[in-house]
C-alpha atoms as a PDB file:
ATOM      1  CA  MET A   1       8.977 -59.036-256.709  1.00  0.00           C
ATOM      2  CA  ILE A   2      11.865 -57.464-258.746  1.00  0.00           C
ATOM      3  CA  GLN A   3      14.530 -55.933-256.647  1.00  0.00           C
ATOM      4  CA  TYR A   4      17.769 -54.016-257.770  1.00  0.00           C
ATOM      5  CA  PHE A   5      21.274 -53.544-256.195  1.00  0.00           C
ATOM      6  CA  LYS A   6      23.249 -50.697-257.466  1.00  0.00           C
ATOM      7  CA  SER A   7      26.944 -50.049-257.631  1.00  0.00           C
ATOM      8  CA  ASP A   8      28.498 -46.792-258.360  1.00  0.00           C
ATOM      9  CA  LYS A   9      31.886 -48.264-258.459  1.00  0.00           C
ATOM     10  CA  PRO A  10      33.439 -48.639-261.957  1.00  0.00           C
ATOM     11  CA  PHE A  11      33.152 -52.354-263.217  1.00  0.00           C
ATOM     12  CA  ALA A  12      36.078 -53.670-265.357  1.00  0.00           C
ATOM     13  CA  LEU A  13      35.186 -56.056-268.257  1.00  0.00           C
ATOM     14  CA  GLU A  14      37.395 -58.934-269.200  1.00  0.00           C
ATOM     15  CA  LEU A  15      37.960 -57.841-272.705  1.00  0.00           C
ATOM     16  CA  GLY A  16      38.497 -54.331-271.973  1.00  0.00           C
ATOM     17  CA  GLY A  17      36.494 -51.484-271.318  1.00  0.00           C
ATOM     18  CA  VAL A  18      34.608 -50.374-268.049  1.00  0.00           C
ATOM     19  CA  LEU A  19      31.009 -50.044-266.917  1.00  0.00           C
ATOM     20  CA  PRO A  20      31.030 -46.615-265.004  1.00  0.00           C
ATOM     21  CA  GLN A  21      28.493 -47.941-262.754  1.00  0.00           C
ATOM     22  CA  LEU A  22      26.294 -51.089-262.481  1.00  0.00           C
ATOM     23  CA  THR A  23      22.608 -52.133-261.597  1.00  0.00           C
ATOM     24  CA  ILE A  24      21.723 -55.964-261.335  1.00  0.00           C
ATOM     25  CA  ALA A  25      17.928 -57.019-261.227  1.00  0.00           C
ATOM     26  CA  TYR A  26      17.149 -60.020-259.341  1.00  0.00           C
ATOM     27  CA  HIS A  27      14.604 -61.951-257.569  1.00  0.00           C
ATOM     28  CA  THR A  28      14.484 -64.055-254.279  1.00  0.00           C
ATOM     29  CA  TYR A  29      12.070 -66.536-253.101  1.00  0.00           C
ATOM     30  CA  GLY A  30      11.745 -68.140-249.564  1.00  0.00           C
ATOM     31  CA  THR A  31      13.418 -67.101-246.501  1.00  0.00           C
ATOM     32  CA  LEU A  32      17.490 -66.892-245.850  1.00  0.00           C
ATOM     33  CA  SER A  33      18.061 -69.183-242.818  1.00  0.00           C
ATOM     34  CA  PRO A  34      19.757 -68.015-239.544  1.00  0.00           C
ATOM     35  CA  ALA A  35      22.747 -69.989-240.376  1.00  0.00           C
ATOM     36  CA  ARG A  36      22.691 -68.895-244.022  1.00  0.00           C
ATOM     37  CA  ASP A  37      23.204 -72.362-245.343  1.00  0.00           C
ATOM     38  CA  ASN A  38      19.999 -72.630-247.624  1.00  0.00           C
ATOM     39  CA  VAL A  39      20.623 -70.591-250.559  1.00  0.00           C
ATOM     40  CA  ILE A  40      20.139 -72.123-253.988  1.00  0.00           C
ATOM     41  CA  TRP A  41      21.424 -69.835-256.766  1.00  0.00           C
ATOM     42  CA  VAL A  42      19.893 -70.050-260.222  1.00  0.00           C
ATOM     43  CA  CYS A  43      21.654 -68.823-263.547  1.00  0.00           C
ATOM     44  CA  HIS A  44      19.073 -68.086-266.079  1.00  0.00           C
ATOM     45  CA  ALA A  45      19.563 -68.681-269.983  1.00  0.00           C
ATOM     46  CA  LEU A  46      19.789 -66.470-273.105  1.00  0.00           C
ATOM     47  CA  THR A  47      16.610 -64.227-273.189  1.00  0.00           C
ATOM     48  CA  ALA A  48      14.841 -65.166-269.567  1.00  0.00           C
ATOM     49  CA  ASN A  49      14.744 -62.823-266.546  1.00  0.00           C
ATOM     50  CA  SER A  50      15.267 -63.239-262.991  1.00  0.00           C
ATOM     51  CA  ASP A  51      11.895 -64.535-262.255  1.00  0.00           C
ATOM     52  CA  VAL A  52      12.491 -68.068-262.335  1.00  0.00           C
ATOM     53  CA  ALA A  53       8.866 -68.850-261.202  1.00  0.00           C
ATOM     54  CA  ASP A  54       7.681 -67.009-264.389  1.00  0.00           C
ATOM     55  CA  TRP A  55       9.900 -68.691-266.742  1.00  0.00           C
ATOM     56  CA  TRP A  56      10.498 -72.105-264.949  1.00  0.00           C
ATOM     57  CA  PRO A  57       7.136 -73.562-264.186  1.00  0.00           C
ATOM     58  CA  HIS A  58       6.628 -75.870-261.615  1.00  0.00           C
ATOM     59  CA  THR A  59      10.105 -75.665-260.003  1.00  0.00           C
ATOM     60  CA  VAL A  60       9.292 -72.721-257.653  1.00  0.00           C
ATOM     61  CA  GLU A  61       6.774 -74.356-255.349  1.00  0.00           C
ATOM     62  CA  LYS A  62       6.366 -76.734-252.418  1.00  0.00           C
ATOM     63  CA  GLY A  63       7.961 -80.137-253.047  1.00  0.00           C
ATOM     64  CA  ALA A  64       9.776 -79.048-256.056  1.00  0.00           C
ATOM     65  CA  PHE A  65      13.653 -78.831-256.312  1.00  0.00           C
ATOM     66  CA  LEU A  66      13.470 -74.931-255.806  1.00  0.00           C
ATOM     67  CA  ASP A  67      10.920 -75.329-252.844  1.00  0.00           C
ATOM     68  CA  PRO A  68      10.885 -71.624-251.386  1.00  0.00           C
ATOM     69  CA  GLU A  69       9.494 -73.551-247.887  1.00  0.00           C
ATOM     70  CA  ARG A  70      12.991 -74.861-247.539  1.00  0.00           C
ATOM     71  CA  TYR A  71      15.583 -72.897-249.650  1.00  0.00           C
ATOM     72  CA  PHE A  72      16.525 -69.057-250.069  1.00  0.00           C
ATOM     73  CA  VAL A  73      16.251 -68.990-253.960  1.00  0.00           C
ATOM     74  CA  VAL A  74      18.096 -66.246-256.017  1.00  0.00           C
ATOM     75  CA  CYS A  75      18.241 -65.569-259.580  1.00  0.00           C
ATOM     76  CA  ALA A  76      20.160 -62.439-261.024  1.00  0.00           C
ATOM     77  CA  ASN A  77      19.498 -61.198-264.294  1.00  0.00           C
ATOM     78  CA  ILE A  78      22.449 -61.280-266.485  1.00  0.00           C
ATOM     79  CA  LEU A  79      24.660 -58.415-267.898  1.00  0.00           C
ATOM     80  CA  GLY A  80      23.529 -57.217-271.019  1.00  0.00           C
ATOM     81  CA  SER A  81      20.001 -58.316-270.576  1.00  0.00           C
ATOM     82  CA  HIS A  82      16.684 -56.613-271.471  1.00  0.00           C
ATOM     83  CA  TYR A  83      15.309 -57.146-267.835  1.00  0.00           C
ATOM     84  CA  GLY A  84      16.941 -54.547-265.503  1.00  0.00           C
ATOM     85  CA  THR A  85      20.381 -55.282-265.557  1.00  0.00           C
ATOM     86  CA  THR A  86      23.040 -52.723-267.055  1.00  0.00           C
ATOM     87  CA  GLY A  87      22.962 -53.506-270.793  1.00  0.00           C
ATOM     88  CA  PRO A  88      22.812 -51.830-274.387  1.00  0.00           C
ATOM     89  CA  LEU A  89      19.470 -49.574-273.654  1.00  0.00           C
ATOM     90  CA  THR A  90      20.795 -48.439-270.159  1.00  0.00           C
ATOM     91  CA  PRO A  91      21.365 -44.655-270.397  1.00  0.00           C
ATOM     92  CA  ASP A  92      25.001 -43.690-269.916  1.00  0.00           C
ATOM     93  CA  PRO A  93      25.396 -42.011-266.789  1.00  0.00           C
ATOM     94  CA  VAL A  94      27.431 -39.175-268.232  1.00  0.00           C
ATOM     95  CA  SER A  95      25.687 -38.698-271.651  1.00  0.00           C
ATOM     96  CA  GLY A  96      22.212 -39.653-270.628  1.00  0.00           C
ATOM     97  CA  GLU A  97      22.148 -41.753-273.974  1.00  0.00           C
ATOM     98  CA  ALA A  98      21.789 -45.370-274.329  1.00  0.00           C
ATOM     99  CA  LEU A  99      24.822 -47.056-276.017  1.00  0.00           C
ATOM    100  CA  TYR A 100      22.878 -49.667-278.269  1.00  0.00           C
ATOM    101  CA  ASP A 101      25.418 -51.350-280.397  1.00  0.00           C
ATOM    102  CA  ALA A 102      28.307 -49.506-278.818  1.00  0.00           C
ATOM    103  CA  PHE A 103      27.781 -51.285-275.830  1.00  0.00           C
ATOM    104  CA  PRO A 104      31.068 -53.089-274.756  1.00  0.00           C
ATOM    105  CA  THR A 105      31.383 -56.740-275.527  1.00  0.00           C
ATOM    106  CA  ILE A 106      31.010 -58.792-272.234  1.00  0.00           C
ATOM    107  CA  THR A 107      31.972 -62.395-271.523  1.00  0.00           C
ATOM    108  CA  ILE A 108      30.397 -65.140-269.492  1.00  0.00           C
ATOM    109  CA  GLY A 109      33.235 -64.693-266.825  1.00  0.00           C
ATOM    110  CA  ASP A 110      31.943 -60.945-266.326  1.00  0.00           C
ATOM    111  CA  MET A 111      28.155 -62.390-265.789  1.00  0.00           C
ATOM    112  CA  ALA A 112      29.674 -64.534-263.136  1.00  0.00           C
ATOM    113  CA  ARG A 113      31.483 -61.883-261.548  1.00  0.00           C
ATOM    114  CA  ALA A 114      28.251 -59.707-261.292  1.00  0.00           C
ATOM    115  CA  HIS A 115      26.780 -62.498-259.639  1.00  0.00           C
ATOM    116  CA  SER A 116      29.536 -62.535-257.053  1.00  0.00           C
ATOM    117  CA  LEU A 117      29.247 -58.757-256.396  1.00  0.00           C
ATOM    118  CA  LEU A 118      25.328 -59.254-255.842  1.00  0.00           C
ATOM    119  CA  ALA A 119      26.007 -62.239-253.700  1.00  0.00           C
ATOM    120  CA  ASP A 120      28.442 -60.534-251.546  1.00  0.00           C
ATOM    121  CA  ALA A 121      25.896 -57.479-251.379  1.00  0.00           C
ATOM    122  CA  LEU A 122      23.361 -59.776-249.933  1.00  0.00           C
ATOM    123  CA  GLY A 123      25.581 -61.291-247.383  1.00  0.00           C
ATOM    124  CA  ILE A 124      25.655 -64.762-248.866  1.00  0.00           C
ATOM    125  CA  GLY A 125      29.038 -66.451-248.351  1.00  0.00           C
ATOM    126  CA  ARG A 126      28.463 -70.400-249.064  1.00  0.00           C
ATOM    127  CA  ILE A 127      26.165 -71.290-251.677  1.00  0.00           C
ATOM    128  CA  HIS A 128      24.272 -74.670-250.994  1.00  0.00           C
ATOM    129  CA  LYS A 129      23.608 -75.470-254.671  1.00  0.00           C
ATOM    130  CA  LEU A 130      24.522 -73.542-257.901  1.00  0.00           C
ATOM    131  CA  VAL A 131      22.046 -74.292-260.617  1.00  0.00           C
ATOM    132  CA  GLY A 132      22.426 -73.282-264.485  1.00  0.00           C
ATOM    133  CA  SER A 133      20.630 -74.664-267.541  1.00  0.00           C
ATOM    134  CA  SER A 134      21.610 -73.859-271.172  1.00  0.00           C
ATOM    135  CA  VAL A 135      23.471 -70.279-271.171  1.00  0.00           C
ATOM    136  CA  GLY A 136      22.827 -70.441-267.159  1.00  0.00           C
ATOM    137  CA  GLY A 137      24.885 -73.359-267.055  1.00  0.00           C
ATOM    138  CA  PHE A 138      27.505 -71.465-268.525  1.00  0.00           C
ATOM    139  CA  GLN A 139      27.514 -69.084-265.772  1.00  0.00           C
ATOM    140  CA  ALA A 140      27.425 -71.637-263.119  1.00  0.00           C
ATOM    141  CA  MET A 141      30.462 -73.234-264.257  1.00  0.00           C
ATOM    142  CA  GLU A 142      32.553 -70.054-264.773  1.00  0.00           C
ATOM    143  CA  TRP A 143      31.631 -68.926-261.583  1.00  0.00           C
ATOM    144  CA  ALA A 144      32.316 -72.337-259.927  1.00  0.00           C
ATOM    145  CA  ALA A 145      35.787 -72.419-261.693  1.00  0.00           C
ATOM    146  CA  GLN A 146      36.309 -68.598-260.456  1.00  0.00           C
ATOM    147  CA  GLU A 147      35.353 -69.226-256.585  1.00  0.00           C
ATOM    148  CA  PRO A 148      35.109 -73.092-256.017  1.00  0.00           C
ATOM    149  CA  ALA A 149      35.270 -72.920-252.426  1.00  0.00           C
ATOM    150  CA  ARG A 150      31.901 -70.919-252.549  1.00  0.00           C
ATOM    151  CA  PHE A 151      29.808 -73.930-253.846  1.00  0.00           C
ATOM    152  CA  GLU A 152      28.630 -76.971-251.839  1.00  0.00           C
ATOM    153  CA  ASN A 153      26.847 -78.673-254.834  1.00  0.00           C
ATOM    154  CA  LEU A 154      26.501 -77.980-258.602  1.00  0.00           C
ATOM    155  CA  VAL A 155      23.682 -78.604-261.076  1.00  0.00           C
ATOM    156  CA  LEU A 156      24.185 -78.291-264.796  1.00  0.00           C
ATOM    157  CA  ILE A 157      21.406 -78.939-267.226  1.00  0.00           C
ATOM    158  CA  ALA A 158      21.677 -79.062-270.793  1.00  0.00           C
ATOM    159  CA  THR A 159      25.183 -77.040-271.014  1.00  0.00           C
ATOM    160  CA  ASP A 160      28.785 -77.323-271.365  1.00  0.00           C
ATOM    161  CA  ALA A 161      32.090 -76.082-270.234  1.00  0.00           C
ATOM    162  CA  LYS A 162      32.908 -74.508-273.460  1.00  0.00           C
ATOM    163  CA  ALA A 163      30.995 -73.305-276.357  1.00  0.00           C
ATOM    164  CA  SER A 164      31.155 -75.771-279.280  1.00  0.00           C
ATOM    165  CA  PRO A 165      31.805 -74.865-283.142  1.00  0.00           C
ATOM    166  CA  TRP A 166      28.100 -75.859-283.665  1.00  0.00           C
ATOM    167  CA  ALA A 167      26.639 -73.726-281.039  1.00  0.00           C
ATOM    168  CA  ILE A 168      28.686 -70.695-282.019  1.00  0.00           C
ATOM    169  CA  ALA A 169      27.939 -71.214-285.896  1.00  0.00           C
ATOM    170  CA  VAL A 170      24.108 -71.044-284.769  1.00  0.00           C
ATOM    171  CA  ASP A 171      24.957 -68.015-282.879  1.00  0.00           C
ATOM    172  CA  GLU A 172      26.496 -66.333-285.948  1.00  0.00           C
ATOM    173  CA  THR A 173      23.711 -67.345-288.110  1.00  0.00           C
ATOM    174  CA  GLN A 174      21.441 -65.319-285.801  1.00  0.00           C
ATOM    175  CA  ARG A 175      23.802 -62.418-285.923  1.00  0.00           C
ATOM    176  CA  MET A 176      23.702 -62.553-289.633  1.00  0.00           C
ATOM    177  CA  ALA A 177      19.942 -62.380-289.619  1.00  0.00           C
ATOM    178  CA  ILE A 178      20.102 -59.372-287.237  1.00  0.00           C
ATOM    179  CA  LYS A 179      22.568 -57.438-289.244  1.00  0.00           C
ATOM    180  CA  SER A 180      20.761 -58.133-292.473  1.00  0.00           C
ATOM    181  CA  ASP A 181      18.048 -55.701-291.316  1.00  0.00           C
ATOM    182  CA  ALA A 182      18.902 -52.139-292.647  1.00  0.00           C
ATOM    183  CA  THR A 183      17.574 -50.802-289.329  1.00  0.00           C
ATOM    184  CA  TYR A 184      20.383 -52.361-287.200  1.00  0.00           C
ATOM    185  CA  GLY A 185      22.417 -49.877-285.655  1.00  0.00           C
ATOM    186  CA  GLU A 186      19.867 -46.993-285.377  1.00  0.00           C
ATOM    187  CA  LYS A 187      19.660 -45.706-281.934  1.00  0.00           C
ATOM    188  CA  ARG A 188      16.436 -47.037-280.882  1.00  0.00           C
ATOM    189  CA  ALA A 189      14.894 -49.737-278.926  1.00  0.00           C
ATOM    190  CA  ASP A 190      12.947 -51.482-281.662  1.00  0.00           C
ATOM    191  CA  ALA A 191      15.709 -51.307-284.070  1.00  0.00           C
ATOM    192  CA  ALA A 192      16.330 -54.422-286.290  1.00  0.00           C
ATOM    193  CA  ALA A 193      13.040 -55.799-285.199  1.00  0.00           C
ATOM    194  CA  ALA A 194      12.553 -57.863-288.306  1.00  0.00           C
ATOM    195  CA  GLY A 195      16.133 -59.364-288.061  1.00  0.00           C
ATOM    196  CA  LEU A 196      15.669 -60.258-284.429  1.00  0.00           C
ATOM    197  CA  ALA A 197      12.443 -61.990-285.330  1.00  0.00           C
ATOM    198  CA  ALA A 198      14.236 -64.042-288.164  1.00  0.00           C
ATOM    199  CA  ALA A 199      17.151 -64.657-285.395  1.00  0.00           C
ATOM    200  CA  ARG A 200      14.412 -66.074-283.121  1.00  0.00           C
ATOM    201  CA  ALA A 201      12.683 -68.178-285.554  1.00  0.00           C
ATOM    202  CA  ILE A 202      16.408 -69.666-286.296  1.00  0.00           C
ATOM    203  CA  GLY A 203      17.060 -70.396-282.644  1.00  0.00           C
ATOM    204  CA  MET A 204      13.716 -72.169-282.151  1.00  0.00           C
ATOM    205  CA  LEU A 205      14.747 -74.833-284.834  1.00  0.00           C
ATOM    206  CA  THR A 206      17.542 -75.936-282.418  1.00  0.00           C
ATOM    207  CA  TYR A 207      15.693 -75.265-279.366  1.00  0.00           C
ATOM    208  CA  ARG A 208      12.971 -77.703-280.325  1.00  0.00           C
ATOM    209  CA  GLY A 209      14.377 -80.114-283.086  1.00  0.00           C
ATOM    210  CA  PRO A 210      12.892 -82.024-285.699  1.00  0.00           C
ATOM    211  CA  GLU A 211      10.943 -84.321-283.222  1.00  0.00           C
ATOM    212  CA  GLY A 212       9.557 -81.418-281.191  1.00  0.00           C
ATOM    213  CA  TYR A 213       8.388 -79.730-284.487  1.00  0.00           C
ATOM    214  CA  ASN A 214       6.855 -82.752-285.975  1.00  0.00           C
ATOM    215  CA  ARG A 215       5.132 -83.556-283.029  1.00  0.00           C
ATOM    216  CA  THR A 216       3.474 -80.099-282.154  1.00  0.00           C
ATOM    217  CA  GLN A 217       3.286 -78.518-285.524  1.00  0.00           C
ATOM    218  CA  GLN A 218       1.393 -80.547-287.649  1.00  0.00           C
ATOM    219  CA  ASP A 219      -1.281 -78.949-289.971  1.00  0.00           C
ATOM    220  CA  LEU A 220      -4.789 -79.495-288.490  1.00  0.00           C
ATOM    221  CA  PRO A 221      -7.144 -82.149-290.069  1.00  0.00           C
ATOM    222  CA  GLY A 222      -9.114 -80.448-292.715  1.00  0.00           C
ATOM    223  CA  ALA A 223      -6.575 -77.476-293.534  1.00  0.00           C
ATOM    224  CA  SER A 224      -6.829 -75.770-296.723  1.00  0.00           C
ATOM    225  CA  LEU A 225      -3.837 -75.599-299.168  1.00  0.00           C
ATOM    226  CA  SER A 226      -4.480 -71.873-299.123  1.00  0.00           C
ATOM    227  CA  ASP A 227      -3.825 -71.790-295.407  1.00  0.00           C
ATOM    228  CA  LEU A 228      -0.491 -71.170-293.904  1.00  0.00           C
ATOM    229  CA  HIS A 229       1.198 -74.330-292.612  1.00  0.00           C
ATOM    230  CA  ARG A 230       0.965 -74.328-288.853  1.00  0.00           C
ATOM    231  CA  ALA A 231       4.534 -74.516-288.785  1.00  0.00           C
ATOM    232  CA  VAL A 232       5.060 -71.196-290.577  1.00  0.00           C
ATOM    233  CA  THR A 233       2.537 -69.464-288.116  1.00  0.00           C
ATOM    234  CA  TYR A 234       4.412 -70.916-285.070  1.00  0.00           C
ATOM    235  CA  GLN A 235       7.853 -69.303-286.518  1.00  0.00           C
ATOM    236  CA  ARG A 236       6.300 -65.869-287.007  1.00  0.00           C
ATOM    237  CA  HIS A 237       4.552 -65.933-283.866  1.00  0.00           C
ATOM    238  CA  GLN A 238       7.702 -66.820-281.980  1.00  0.00           C
ATOM    239  CA  GLY A 239       9.551 -64.110-283.585  1.00  0.00           C
ATOM    240  CA  GLU A 240       7.020 -61.275-283.139  1.00  0.00           C
ATOM    241  CA  LYS A 241       6.647 -62.757-279.424  1.00  0.00           C
ATOM    242  CA  LEU A 242      10.487 -62.068-278.850  1.00  0.00           C
ATOM    243  CA  CYS A 243      10.123 -58.798-280.340  1.00  0.00           C
ATOM    244  CA  ASN A 244       7.174 -57.770-278.006  1.00  0.00           C
ATOM    245  CA  ARG A 245       9.675 -58.493-274.866  1.00  0.00           C
ATOM    246  CA  TYR A 246      13.169 -58.156-276.092  1.00  0.00           C
ATOM    247  CA  ASN A 247      15.410 -55.743-277.954  1.00  0.00           C
ATOM    248  CA  ALA A 248      18.185 -56.708-280.863  1.00  0.00           C
ATOM    249  CA  TYR A 249      21.124 -55.075-279.115  1.00  0.00           C
ATOM    250  CA  SER A 250      20.906 -57.209-275.946  1.00  0.00           C
ATOM    251  CA  TYR A 251      20.282 -60.313-278.018  1.00  0.00           C
ATOM    252  CA  MET A 252      23.459 -59.775-279.967  1.00  0.00           C
ATOM    253  CA  THR A 253      25.434 -59.048-276.570  1.00  0.00           C
ATOM    254  CA  ILE A 254      24.237 -62.171-275.129  1.00  0.00           C
ATOM    255  CA  LEU A 255      25.064 -64.124-278.103  1.00  0.00           C
ATOM    256  CA  ASP A 256      28.651 -62.526-278.503  1.00  0.00           C
ATOM    257  CA  ALA A 257      29.288 -63.398-274.770  1.00  0.00           C
ATOM    258  CA  PHE A 258      27.967 -67.024-275.150  1.00  0.00           C
ATOM    259  CA  ASP A 259      30.854 -67.478-277.606  1.00  0.00           C
ATOM    260  CA  THR A 260      33.367 -66.291-275.310  1.00  0.00           C
ATOM    261  CA  HIS A 261      32.659 -69.235-273.081  1.00  0.00           C
ATOM    262  CA  ASP A 262      35.467 -71.635-272.101  1.00  0.00           C
ATOM    263  CA  ILE A 263      36.333 -72.364-268.651  1.00  0.00           C
ATOM    264  CA  GLY A 264      39.858 -73.523-269.413  1.00  0.00           C
ATOM    265  CA  ARG A 265      40.740 -70.192-270.599  1.00  0.00           C
ATOM    266  CA  GLY A 266      43.432 -68.748-268.321  1.00  0.00           C
ATOM    267  CA  ARG A 267      43.145 -71.697-266.163  1.00  0.00           C
ATOM    268  CA  GLY A 268      45.568 -74.062-268.133  1.00  0.00           C
ATOM    269  CA  GLY A 269      43.131 -75.521-270.408  1.00  0.00           C
ATOM    270  CA  LEU A 270      39.444 -77.284-270.015  1.00  0.00           C
ATOM    271  CA  GLN A 271      40.594 -80.196-267.948  1.00  0.00           C
ATOM    272  CA  ALA A 272      42.632 -78.500-265.547  1.00  0.00           C
ATOM    273  CA  ALA A 273      39.681 -76.113-264.718  1.00  0.00           C
ATOM    274  CA  LEU A 274      37.127 -79.019-264.426  1.00  0.00           C
ATOM    275  CA  ASP A 275      39.497 -80.626-262.147  1.00  0.00           C
ATOM    276  CA  THR A 276      39.212 -77.745-259.706  1.00  0.00           C
ATOM    277  CA  LEU A 277      35.293 -78.306-259.647  1.00  0.00           C
ATOM    278  CA  THR A 278      35.712 -81.024-256.823  1.00  0.00           C
ATOM    279  CA  MET A 279      32.301 -80.440-255.466  1.00  0.00           C
ATOM    280  CA  PRO A 280      29.305 -82.668-256.088  1.00  0.00           C
ATOM    281  CA  ALA A 281      27.584 -82.307-259.218  1.00  0.00           C
ATOM    282  CA  ILE A 282      24.569 -83.457-260.992  1.00  0.00           C
ATOM    283  CA  VAL A 283      24.609 -83.225-264.708  1.00  0.00           C
ATOM    284  CA  VAL A 284      21.321 -83.776-266.848  1.00  0.00           C
ATOM    285  CA  GLY A 285      20.952 -84.186-270.435  1.00  0.00           C
ATOM    286  CA  ILE A 286      18.211 -84.620-272.582  1.00  0.00           C
ATOM    287  CA  THR A 287      17.419 -87.259-274.989  1.00  0.00           C
ATOM    288  CA  THR A 288      16.671 -84.971-278.162  1.00  0.00           C
ATOM    289  CA  ASP A 289      18.777 -82.171-277.468  1.00  0.00           C
ATOM    290  CA  ILE A 290      20.604 -81.043-280.607  1.00  0.00           C
ATOM    291  CA  ILE A 291      22.502 -77.896-278.991  1.00  0.00           C
ATOM    292  CA  PHE A 292      24.136 -80.062-275.991  1.00  0.00           C
ATOM    293  CA  THR A 293      23.420 -83.401-277.007  1.00  0.00           C
ATOM    294  CA  PRO A 294      23.381 -86.468-274.659  1.00  0.00           C
ATOM    295  CA  ALA A 295      27.050 -87.495-275.610  1.00  0.00           C
ATOM    296  CA  GLU A 296      28.387 -84.257-274.852  1.00  0.00           C
ATOM    297  CA  MET A 297      26.650 -84.247-271.516  1.00  0.00           C
ATOM    298  CA  ARG A 298      27.759 -87.906-270.695  1.00  0.00           C
ATOM    299  CA  LEU A 299      31.408 -86.453-271.691  1.00  0.00           C
ATOM    300  CA  LEU A 300      30.983 -83.476-269.254  1.00  0.00           C
ATOM    301  CA  ALA A 301      29.753 -85.685-266.409  1.00  0.00           C
ATOM    302  CA  SER A 302      32.843 -87.938-266.908  1.00  0.00           C
ATOM    303  CA  ARG A 303      35.262 -85.134-266.790  1.00  0.00           C
ATOM    304  CA  LEU A 304      34.131 -83.692-263.536  1.00  0.00           C
ATOM    305  CA  PRO A 305      35.809 -85.096-260.457  1.00  0.00           C
ATOM    306  CA  ASN A 306      32.253 -85.779-258.304  1.00  0.00           C
ATOM    307  CA  ALA A 307      29.615 -85.782-260.917  1.00  0.00           C
ATOM    308  CA  LYS A 308      26.431 -88.007-261.565  1.00  0.00           C
ATOM    309  CA  TYR A 309      24.655 -88.037-264.878  1.00  0.00           C
ATOM    310  CA  TYR A 310      20.933 -88.179-265.456  1.00  0.00           C
ATOM    311  CA  GLU A 311      19.019 -87.938-268.537  1.00  0.00           C
ATOM    312  CA  ILE A 312      15.509 -86.371-269.250  1.00  0.00           C
ATOM    313  CA  ASP A 313      13.502 -88.466-271.882  1.00  0.00           C
ATOM    314  CA  SER A 314      11.643 -85.703-274.006  1.00  0.00           C
ATOM    315  CA  PRO A 315      10.677 -84.796-277.697  1.00  0.00           C
ATOM    316  CA  MET A 316      10.985 -81.412-277.099  1.00  0.00           C
ATOM    317  CA  GLY A 317      14.852 -81.107-277.732  1.00  0.00           C
ATOM    318  CA  HIS A 318      16.758 -78.465-275.601  1.00  0.00           C
ATOM    319  CA  ASP A 319      13.158 -76.883-274.336  1.00  0.00           C
ATOM    320  CA  GLY A 320      12.760 -80.237-272.609  1.00  0.00           C
ATOM    321  CA  PHE A 321      14.439 -78.665-269.396  1.00  0.00           C
ATOM    322  CA  LEU A 322      11.698 -76.178-269.492  1.00  0.00           C
ATOM    323  CA  VAL A 323       8.920 -78.563-270.056  1.00  0.00           C
ATOM    324  CA  GLU A 324       9.717 -81.723-268.329  1.00  0.00           C
ATOM    325  CA  HIS A 325       9.371 -80.339-264.758  1.00  0.00           C
ATOM    326  CA  VAL A 326       8.140 -83.641-263.444  1.00  0.00           C
ATOM    327  CA  GLN A 327      11.299 -85.633-264.557  1.00  0.00           C
ATOM    328  CA  LEU A 328      13.577 -82.778-263.570  1.00  0.00           C
ATOM    329  CA  ASN A 329      11.981 -82.426-260.099  1.00  0.00           C
ATOM    330  CA  ASN A 330      12.279 -86.284-259.672  1.00  0.00           C
ATOM    331  CA  ILE A 331      16.006 -85.875-260.127  1.00  0.00           C
ATOM    332  CA  LEU A 332      16.785 -82.981-258.260  1.00  0.00           C
ATOM    333  CA  THR A 333      14.658 -83.565-255.272  1.00  0.00           C
ATOM    334  CA  GLN A 334      16.356 -86.802-254.690  1.00  0.00           C
ATOM    335  CA  GLN A 335      19.807 -85.088-254.341  1.00  0.00           C
END
């Protein structure tokens, strides 16, 4: 069940500006032990929500690495999101109006500080394991860099310590699609829906990659030349599906935050920051991931002081971390 933490204290942002109050939506699973030593904190990816059991199949169940019979699992919805945490559609406490595209720029560091605020409010000090995949891994690395003594173990899946030029370019292409929609900037929740659908279709190409598409979107036997290609209907469906559950302003906010990610900023550079993360770390790459390639994941593991590298064999690209739960559970339940 979704829960909410609310703070009436101003929340200052890294790049300037202040959120006058803050709401954080979150889910928990399992029971906190009397010693408070069984916490696993999950940081979610781009358009996911705090309900890990919903978007990460077969991970929050008995015998899985987020086993609620063993662990107290927490996931907080990120700043700027569509799913309950303060974001572009949240009414301003003074005017009563949402800010939409005037919502301030946030960073991954801001997201991590919001997680810390919630952890303190829940009475959680030490965290047994911090888990992040994709943009969730950005948050995990930033939070660990902010408070390295807080975490006993770190799990980083299909992610990196800094946003790469390639990933930023993909984000900018999606922003261009959204801004090309003439309704972008209108003060309504469904503004720029066509642009958002196009942005999602662009994103899907990088999430699945050529092998994933060629395996799953071949035209069916007997298809007529007058029929739309299966790959065409898939792209349209993915765009429509996101528009039915998300909004363009939150999407833009999180893409912008993605591009700020660099745990070396203000810490003497990337390696100096990585050197502070001395807790045991598991780094997991995916064989066909074209956003965070296996080579990049191996490099990340080599630069962390106490990391082990594992690789998921999957044709499903970056989305392999969502699909290959058997391999992922096999890796992480042994640690």
